[in-house]
């Protein structure tokens, strides 16, 4: 008798669990996959190897490894519109003067934003900053912040410090010039006006470092 009652209780609990999970399961079953933008049409970029980020207005930002105006990659923006349509804008096309690519080429990492709406990222050889337009209709401003720190994903903290790695971990100090140091363990930190790169002093004393000026 006790065994039968226990079995009845277990069956009832299973039914309640199944009913409670059903709405969620049905919701997932009703989800739809939708392509927001298909690359490779004209000069819009191609080869998406990184993820995208979402800003406070619902716009998406990312990079493509190829395509763009010169064929060596882009930074792009996707803006949502009415009727579920998205509009792509190329914010920067890499390597206008191949093989002399001062801005690098072939980006493969997701850009990261700061509080002011600037985007930071890397190409194969440099770290860059993209600043949003100051007035309607103007373009984004691209600038190289380091010619020695490329090919890495970046992370930004709440204070605006950037972190990256590629054979070493970097530190870029934003100061009066682009002075940099690198060792096996580095930190990217933000100064007042510009960025530079240096190694942790205690680590550098033990393991050595190299210094450069951007």
C-alpha atoms as a PDB file:
ATOM      1  CA  UNK A   1       0.000   0.000   0.000  1.00  0.00           C
ATOM      2  CA  UNK A   2       2.767   2.450   0.983  1.00  0.00           C
ATOM      3  CA  UNK A   3       4.666   1.566  -2.190  1.00  0.00           C
ATOM      4  CA  UNK A   4       1.597   2.312  -4.323  1.00  0.00           C
ATOM      5  CA  UNK A   5       1.086   5.695  -2.622  1.00  0.00           C
ATOM      6  CA  UNK A   6       4.753   6.606  -3.147  1.00  0.00           C
ATOM      7  CA  UNK A   7       4.468   5.640  -6.801  1.00  0.00           C
ATOM      8  CA  UNK A   8       1.335   7.794  -7.170  1.00  0.00           C
ATOM      9  CA  UNK A   9       3.140  10.773  -5.627  1.00  0.00           C
ATOM     10  CA  UNK A  10       6.140  10.336  -7.949  1.00  0.00           C
ATOM     11  CA  UNK A  11       3.870  10.165 -11.002  1.00  0.00           C
ATOM     12  CA  UNK A  12       2.008  13.302  -9.879  1.00  0.00           C
ATOM     13  CA  UNK A  13       5.284  15.175  -9.359  1.00  0.00           C
ATOM     14  CA  UNK A  14       6.491  14.150 -12.807  1.00  0.00           C
ATOM     15  CA  UNK A  15       3.258  15.427 -14.369  1.00  0.00           C
ATOM     16  CA  UNK A  16       3.598  18.790 -12.561  1.00  0.00           C
ATOM     17  CA  UNK A  17       7.247  19.101 -13.703  1.00  0.00           C
ATOM     18  CA  UNK A  18       6.315  18.274 -17.289  1.00  0.00           C
ATOM     19  CA  UNK A  19       3.524  20.860 -17.281  1.00  0.00           C
ATOM     20  CA  UNK A  20       5.775  23.527 -15.748  1.00  0.00           C
ATOM     21  CA  UNK A  21       8.472  22.895 -18.380  1.00  0.00           C
ATOM     22  CA  UNK A  22       6.056  22.738 -21.304  1.00  0.00           C
ATOM     23  CA  UNK A  23       5.695  26.528 -21.884  1.00  0.00           C
ATOM     24  CA  UNK A  24       9.471  26.982 -22.090  1.00  0.00           C
ATOM     25  CA  UNK A  25       9.850  24.027 -24.417  1.00  0.00           C
ATOM     26  CA  UNK A  26       7.043  25.301 -26.618  1.00  0.00           C
ATOM     27  CA  UNK A  27       8.635  28.774 -26.672  1.00  0.00           C
ATOM     28  CA  UNK A  28      11.942  27.346 -27.928  1.00  0.00           C
ATOM     29  CA  UNK A  29      10.095  25.262 -30.494  1.00  0.00           C
ATOM     30  CA  UNK A  30       8.438  28.437 -31.783  1.00  0.00           C
ATOM     31  CA  UNK A  31      11.758  30.350 -32.122  1.00  0.00           C
ATOM     32  CA  UNK A  32      12.884  31.162 -35.640  1.00  0.00           C
ATOM     33  CA  UNK A  33      16.361  31.457 -37.137  1.00  0.00           C
ATOM     34  CA  UNK A  34      16.781  34.607 -39.200  1.00  0.00           C
ATOM     35  CA  UNK A  35      19.716  35.901 -41.242  1.00  0.00           C
ATOM     36  CA  UNK A  36      20.183  39.616 -40.518  1.00  0.00           C
ATOM     37  CA  UNK A  37      22.763  40.175 -43.253  1.00  0.00           C
ATOM     38  CA  UNK A  38      24.456  37.915 -45.797  1.00  0.00           C
ATOM     39  CA  UNK A  39      28.026  39.000 -46.589  1.00  0.00           C
ATOM     40  CA  UNK A  40      29.843  38.751 -49.899  1.00  0.00           C
ATOM     41  CA  UNK A  41      27.603  41.090 -51.881  1.00  0.00           C
ATOM     42  CA  UNK A  42      29.771  43.726 -53.524  1.00  0.00           C
ATOM     43  CA  UNK A  43      32.222  45.420 -51.172  1.00  0.00           C
ATOM     44  CA  UNK A  44      30.409  44.732 -47.913  1.00  0.00           C
ATOM     45  CA  UNK A  45      32.996  42.329 -46.500  1.00  0.00           C
ATOM     46  CA  UNK A  46      33.310  38.589 -46.203  1.00  0.00           C
ATOM     47  CA  UNK A  47      34.675  35.953 -43.857  1.00  0.00           C
ATOM     48  CA  UNK A  48      33.165  36.561 -40.408  1.00  0.00           C
ATOM     49  CA  UNK A  49      35.394  34.764 -37.895  1.00  0.00           C
ATOM     50  CA  UNK A  50      34.489  36.754 -34.768  1.00  0.00           C
ATOM     51  CA  UNK A  51      31.334  37.572 -32.859  1.00  0.00           C
ATOM     52  CA  UNK A  52      29.426  40.848 -32.714  1.00  0.00           C
ATOM     53  CA  UNK A  53      28.717  43.355 -29.946  1.00  0.00           C
ATOM     54  CA  UNK A  54      25.454  45.167 -29.217  1.00  0.00           C
ATOM     55  CA  UNK A  55      25.286  48.842 -28.190  1.00  0.00           C
ATOM     56  CA  UNK A  56      22.608  50.602 -26.149  1.00  0.00           C
ATOM     57  CA  UNK A  57      20.634  51.535 -29.274  1.00  0.00           C
ATOM     58  CA  UNK A  58      20.443  47.976 -30.532  1.00  0.00           C
ATOM     59  CA  UNK A  59      23.109  48.324 -33.243  1.00  0.00           C
ATOM     60  CA  UNK A  60      25.541  45.475 -33.905  1.00  0.00           C
ATOM     61  CA  UNK A  61      29.281  45.835 -34.612  1.00  0.00           C
ATOM     62  CA  UNK A  62      31.794  43.317 -35.910  1.00  0.00           C
ATOM     63  CA  UNK A  63      34.662  42.652 -38.309  1.00  0.00           C
ATOM     64  CA  UNK A  64      35.155  40.673 -41.491  1.00  0.00           C
ATOM     65  CA  UNK A  65      38.447  39.031 -42.439  1.00  0.00           C
ATOM     66  CA  UNK A  66      38.146  39.943 -46.127  1.00  0.00           C
ATOM     67  CA  UNK A  67      36.128  42.074 -48.492  1.00  0.00           C
ATOM     68  CA  UNK A  68      35.461  45.770 -48.142  1.00  0.00           C
ATOM     69  CA  UNK A  69      36.684  48.466 -50.482  1.00  0.00           C
ATOM     70  CA  UNK A  70      40.176  46.943 -50.851  1.00  0.00           C
ATOM     71  CA  UNK A  71      39.604  43.252 -50.147  1.00  0.00           C
ATOM     72  CA  UNK A  72      41.484  43.066 -46.822  1.00  0.00           C
ATOM     73  CA  UNK A  73      38.690  43.250 -44.275  1.00  0.00           C
ATOM     74  CA  UNK A  74      36.278  45.643 -42.619  1.00  0.00           C
ATOM     75  CA  UNK A  75      34.727  46.905 -39.432  1.00  0.00           C
ATOM     76  CA  UNK A  76      30.959  47.011 -39.932  1.00  0.00           C
ATOM     77  CA  UNK A  77      27.780  48.195 -38.238  1.00  0.00           C
ATOM     78  CA  UNK A  78      24.305  46.689 -38.572  1.00  0.00           C
ATOM     79  CA  UNK A  79      21.391  49.000 -37.726  1.00  0.00           C
ATOM     80  CA  UNK A  80      17.879  47.624 -37.117  1.00  0.00           C
ATOM     81  CA  UNK A  81      15.019  49.229 -39.028  1.00  0.00           C
ATOM     82  CA  UNK A  82      11.299  48.872 -39.470  1.00  0.00           C
ATOM     83  CA  UNK A  83       9.855  45.564 -40.563  1.00  0.00           C
ATOM     84  CA  UNK A  84      12.771  43.586 -39.151  1.00  0.00           C
ATOM     85  CA  UNK A  85      15.202  44.838 -41.807  1.00  0.00           C
ATOM     86  CA  UNK A  86      18.851  45.570 -40.955  1.00  0.00           C
ATOM     87  CA  UNK A  87      21.114  48.023 -42.773  1.00  0.00           C
ATOM     88  CA  UNK A  88      24.861  47.441 -42.994  1.00  0.00           C
ATOM     89  CA  UNK A  89      27.385  50.281 -42.941  1.00  0.00           C
ATOM     90  CA  UNK A  90      31.133  49.808 -43.440  1.00  0.00           C
ATOM     91  CA  UNK A  91      32.920  51.882 -40.788  1.00  0.00           C
ATOM     92  CA  UNK A  92      36.424  51.097 -42.074  1.00  0.00           C
ATOM     93  CA  UNK A  93      38.016  49.123 -44.906  1.00  0.00           C
ATOM     94  CA  UNK A  94      41.570  47.911 -44.264  1.00  0.00           C
ATOM     95  CA  UNK A  95      44.721  48.234 -46.363  1.00  0.00           C
ATOM     96  CA  UNK A  96      44.045  50.904 -48.971  1.00  0.00           C
ATOM     97  CA  UNK A  97      47.676  50.836 -50.166  1.00  0.00           C
ATOM     98  CA  UNK A  98      48.700  47.174 -50.361  1.00  0.00           C
ATOM     99  CA  UNK A  99      51.366  46.032 -49.615  1.00  0.00           C
ATOM    100  CA  UNK A 100      51.978  49.133 -47.458  1.00  0.00           C
ATOM    101  CA  UNK A 101      49.115  48.628 -45.014  1.00  0.00           C
ATOM    102  CA  UNK A 102      49.627  51.151 -42.209  1.00  0.00           C
ATOM    103  CA  UNK A 103      46.311  50.081 -40.696  1.00  0.00           C
ATOM    104  CA  UNK A 104      47.058  46.377 -41.075  1.00  0.00           C
ATOM    105  CA  UNK A 105      44.671  43.886 -42.648  1.00  0.00           C
ATOM    106  CA  UNK A 106      42.585  40.769 -42.063  1.00  0.00           C
ATOM    107  CA  UNK A 107      40.917  41.533 -38.685  1.00  0.00           C
ATOM    108  CA  UNK A 108      39.631  38.437 -36.893  1.00  0.00           C
ATOM    109  CA  UNK A 109      38.478  39.769 -33.509  1.00  0.00           C
ATOM    110  CA  UNK A 110      35.347  41.414 -32.123  1.00  0.00           C
ATOM    111  CA  UNK A 111      35.641  45.166 -31.447  1.00  0.00           C
ATOM    112  CA  UNK A 112      34.992  46.373 -27.891  1.00  0.00           C
ATOM    113  CA  UNK A 113      33.267  49.666 -26.930  1.00  0.00           C
ATOM    114  CA  UNK A 114      34.054  52.205 -24.239  1.00  0.00           C
ATOM    115  CA  UNK A 115      31.627  54.480 -22.408  1.00  0.00           C
ATOM    116  CA  UNK A 116      31.969  57.238 -25.005  1.00  0.00           C
ATOM    117  CA  UNK A 117      30.899  54.942 -27.850  1.00  0.00           C
ATOM    118  CA  UNK A 118      34.389  54.468 -29.308  1.00  0.00           C
ATOM    119  CA  UNK A 119      35.312  51.041 -30.650  1.00  0.00           C
ATOM    120  CA  UNK A 120      38.683  49.352 -30.099  1.00  0.00           C
ATOM    121  CA  UNK A 121      40.052  46.383 -31.989  1.00  0.00           C
ATOM    122  CA  UNK A 122      43.008  44.846 -33.782  1.00  0.00           C
ATOM    123  CA  UNK A 123      44.040  43.906 -37.290  1.00  0.00           C
ATOM    124  CA  UNK A 124      46.911  41.534 -37.991  1.00  0.00           C
ATOM    125  CA  UNK A 125      49.593  44.047 -36.930  1.00  0.00           C
ATOM    126  CA  UNK A 126      48.026  47.037 -35.133  1.00  0.00           C
ATOM    127  CA  UNK A 127      45.530  48.083 -32.463  1.00  0.00           C
ATOM    128  CA  UNK A 128      42.984  50.680 -33.550  1.00  0.00           C
ATOM    129  CA  UNK A 129      40.299  53.038 -32.325  1.00  0.00           C
ATOM    130  CA  UNK A 130      37.143  54.025 -34.200  1.00  0.00           C
ATOM    131  CA  UNK A 131      35.395  57.180 -32.973  1.00  0.00           C
ATOM    132  CA  UNK A 132      31.725  57.811 -33.820  1.00  0.00           C
ATOM    133  CA  UNK A 133      30.783  60.822 -35.961  1.00  0.00           C
ATOM    134  CA  UNK A 134      30.365  64.152 -34.192  1.00  0.00           C
ATOM    135  CA  UNK A 135      27.546  65.214 -36.489  1.00  0.00           C
ATOM    136  CA  UNK A 136      24.840  63.518 -38.525  1.00  0.00           C
ATOM    137  CA  UNK A 137      26.038  62.276 -41.891  1.00  0.00           C
ATOM    138  CA  UNK A 138      29.742  62.276 -41.024  1.00  0.00           C
ATOM    139  CA  UNK A 139      31.844  59.108 -41.016  1.00  0.00           C
ATOM    140  CA  UNK A 140      33.626  57.325 -38.201  1.00  0.00           C
ATOM    141  CA  UNK A 141      37.243  58.329 -37.495  1.00  0.00           C
ATOM    142  CA  UNK A 142      39.856  55.551 -37.630  1.00  0.00           C
ATOM    143  CA  UNK A 143      43.162  55.895 -35.782  1.00  0.00           C
ATOM    144  CA  UNK A 144      46.025  53.508 -35.015  1.00  0.00           C
ATOM    145  CA  UNK A 145      46.763  53.407 -31.276  1.00  0.00           C
ATOM    146  CA  UNK A 146      49.667  50.936 -31.459  1.00  0.00           C
ATOM    147  CA  UNK A 147      51.718  49.526 -34.327  1.00  0.00           C
ATOM    148  CA  UNK A 148      53.145  46.780 -32.119  1.00  0.00           C
ATOM    149  CA  UNK A 149      50.016  45.246 -30.597  1.00  0.00           C
ATOM    150  CA  UNK A 150      47.906  43.414 -33.158  1.00  0.00           C
ATOM    151  CA  UNK A 151      46.330  40.051 -33.863  1.00  0.00           C
ATOM    152  CA  UNK A 152      44.515  39.712 -30.555  1.00  0.00           C
ATOM    153  CA  UNK A 153      41.058  39.983 -29.076  1.00  0.00           C
ATOM    154  CA  UNK A 154      40.720  42.882 -26.646  1.00  0.00           C
ATOM    155  CA  UNK A 155      38.969  43.184 -23.299  1.00  0.00           C
ATOM    156  CA  UNK A 156      37.965  46.487 -21.714  1.00  0.00           C
ATOM    157  CA  UNK A 157      37.183  47.038 -18.039  1.00  0.00           C
ATOM    158  CA  UNK A 158      34.865  49.524 -16.344  1.00  0.00           C
ATOM    159  CA  UNK A 159      37.656  52.111 -16.111  1.00  0.00           C
ATOM    160  CA  UNK A 160      38.385  51.891 -19.842  1.00  0.00           C
ATOM    161  CA  UNK A 161      41.559  49.800 -19.565  1.00  0.00           C
ATOM    162  CA  UNK A 162      42.286  47.449 -22.479  1.00  0.00           C
ATOM    163  CA  UNK A 163      43.806  43.982 -22.243  1.00  0.00           C
ATOM    164  CA  UNK A 164      45.187  41.828 -25.046  1.00  0.00           C
ATOM    165  CA  UNK A 165      47.492  38.875 -25.649  1.00  0.00           C
ATOM    166  CA  UNK A 166      49.474  37.340 -28.471  1.00  0.00           C
ATOM    167  CA  UNK A 167      52.755  35.697 -27.502  1.00  0.00           C
ATOM    168  CA  UNK A 168      52.671  38.041 -24.486  1.00  0.00           C
ATOM    169  CA  UNK A 169      50.096  40.020 -22.530  1.00  0.00           C
ATOM    170  CA  UNK A 170      50.178  43.738 -23.306  1.00  0.00           C
ATOM    171  CA  UNK A 171      49.938  46.953 -21.414  1.00  0.00           C
ATOM    172  CA  UNK A 172      49.228  50.164 -23.341  1.00  0.00           C
ATOM    173  CA  UNK A 173      49.561  53.374 -21.333  1.00  0.00           C
ATOM    174  CA  UNK A 174      47.725  56.392 -22.685  1.00  0.00           C
ATOM    175  CA  UNK A 175      49.989  59.352 -22.017  1.00  0.00           C
ATOM    176  CA  UNK A 176      51.995  62.036 -23.767  1.00  0.00           C
ATOM    177  CA  UNK A 177      53.482  59.550 -26.246  1.00  0.00           C
ATOM    178  CA  UNK A 178      53.204  55.969 -27.419  1.00  0.00           C
ATOM    179  CA  UNK A 179      55.918  54.446 -25.257  1.00  0.00           C
ATOM    180  CA  UNK A 180      55.659  50.696 -24.873  1.00  0.00           C
ATOM    181  CA  UNK A 181      57.260  47.801 -23.071  1.00  0.00           C
ATOM    182  CA  UNK A 182      56.456  44.134 -23.331  1.00  0.00           C
ATOM    183  CA  UNK A 183      57.321  41.080 -21.255  1.00  0.00           C
ATOM    184  CA  UNK A 184      55.651  37.732 -20.715  1.00  0.00           C
ATOM    185  CA  UNK A 185      53.007  39.358 -18.539  1.00  0.00           C
ATOM    186  CA  UNK A 186      51.641  42.832 -19.374  1.00  0.00           C
ATOM    187  CA  UNK A 187      48.679  45.079 -18.600  1.00  0.00           C
ATOM    188  CA  UNK A 188      46.891  47.613 -20.813  1.00  0.00           C
ATOM    189  CA  UNK A 189      45.982  50.752 -18.880  1.00  0.00           C
ATOM    190  CA  UNK A 190      44.389  54.035 -19.837  1.00  0.00           C
ATOM    191  CA  UNK A 191      46.003  57.390 -19.204  1.00  0.00           C
ATOM    192  CA  UNK A 192      44.877  60.936 -19.856  1.00  0.00           C
ATOM    193  CA  UNK A 193      45.239  61.599 -23.558  1.00  0.00           C
ATOM    194  CA  UNK A 194      47.048  58.822 -25.454  1.00  0.00           C
ATOM    195  CA  UNK A 195      47.994  55.183 -25.189  1.00  0.00           C
ATOM    196  CA  UNK A 196      51.403  53.576 -24.611  1.00  0.00           C
ATOM    197  CA  UNK A 197      52.519  50.073 -23.778  1.00  0.00           C
ATOM    198  CA  UNK A 198      54.721  48.792 -20.953  1.00  0.00           C
ATOM    199  CA  UNK A 199      55.456  45.767 -18.805  1.00  0.00           C
ATOM    200  CA  UNK A 200      54.783  45.184 -15.136  1.00  0.00           C
ATOM    201  CA  UNK A 201      57.969  46.475 -13.438  1.00  0.00           C
ATOM    202  CA  UNK A 202      58.411  43.593 -10.991  1.00  0.00           C
ATOM    203  CA  UNK A 203      57.776  40.970 -13.666  1.00  0.00           C
ATOM    204  CA  UNK A 204      60.057  42.716 -16.159  1.00  0.00           C
ATOM    205  CA  UNK A 205      62.952  42.736 -13.701  1.00  0.00           C
ATOM    206  CA  UNK A 206      62.703  38.966 -13.346  1.00  0.00           C
ATOM    207  CA  UNK A 207      61.930  38.026 -16.939  1.00  0.00           C
ATOM    208  CA  UNK A 208      63.220  40.833 -19.156  1.00  0.00           C
ATOM    209  CA  UNK A 209      61.348  43.195 -21.438  1.00  0.00           C
ATOM    210  CA  UNK A 210      61.528  45.075 -24.699  1.00  0.00           C
ATOM    211  CA  UNK A 211      60.687  48.716 -25.228  1.00  0.00           C
ATOM    212  CA  UNK A 212      59.331  50.571 -28.242  1.00  0.00           C
ATOM    213  CA  UNK A 213      57.798  53.912 -29.158  1.00  0.00           C
ATOM    214  CA  UNK A 214      54.726  54.180 -31.385  1.00  0.00           C
END
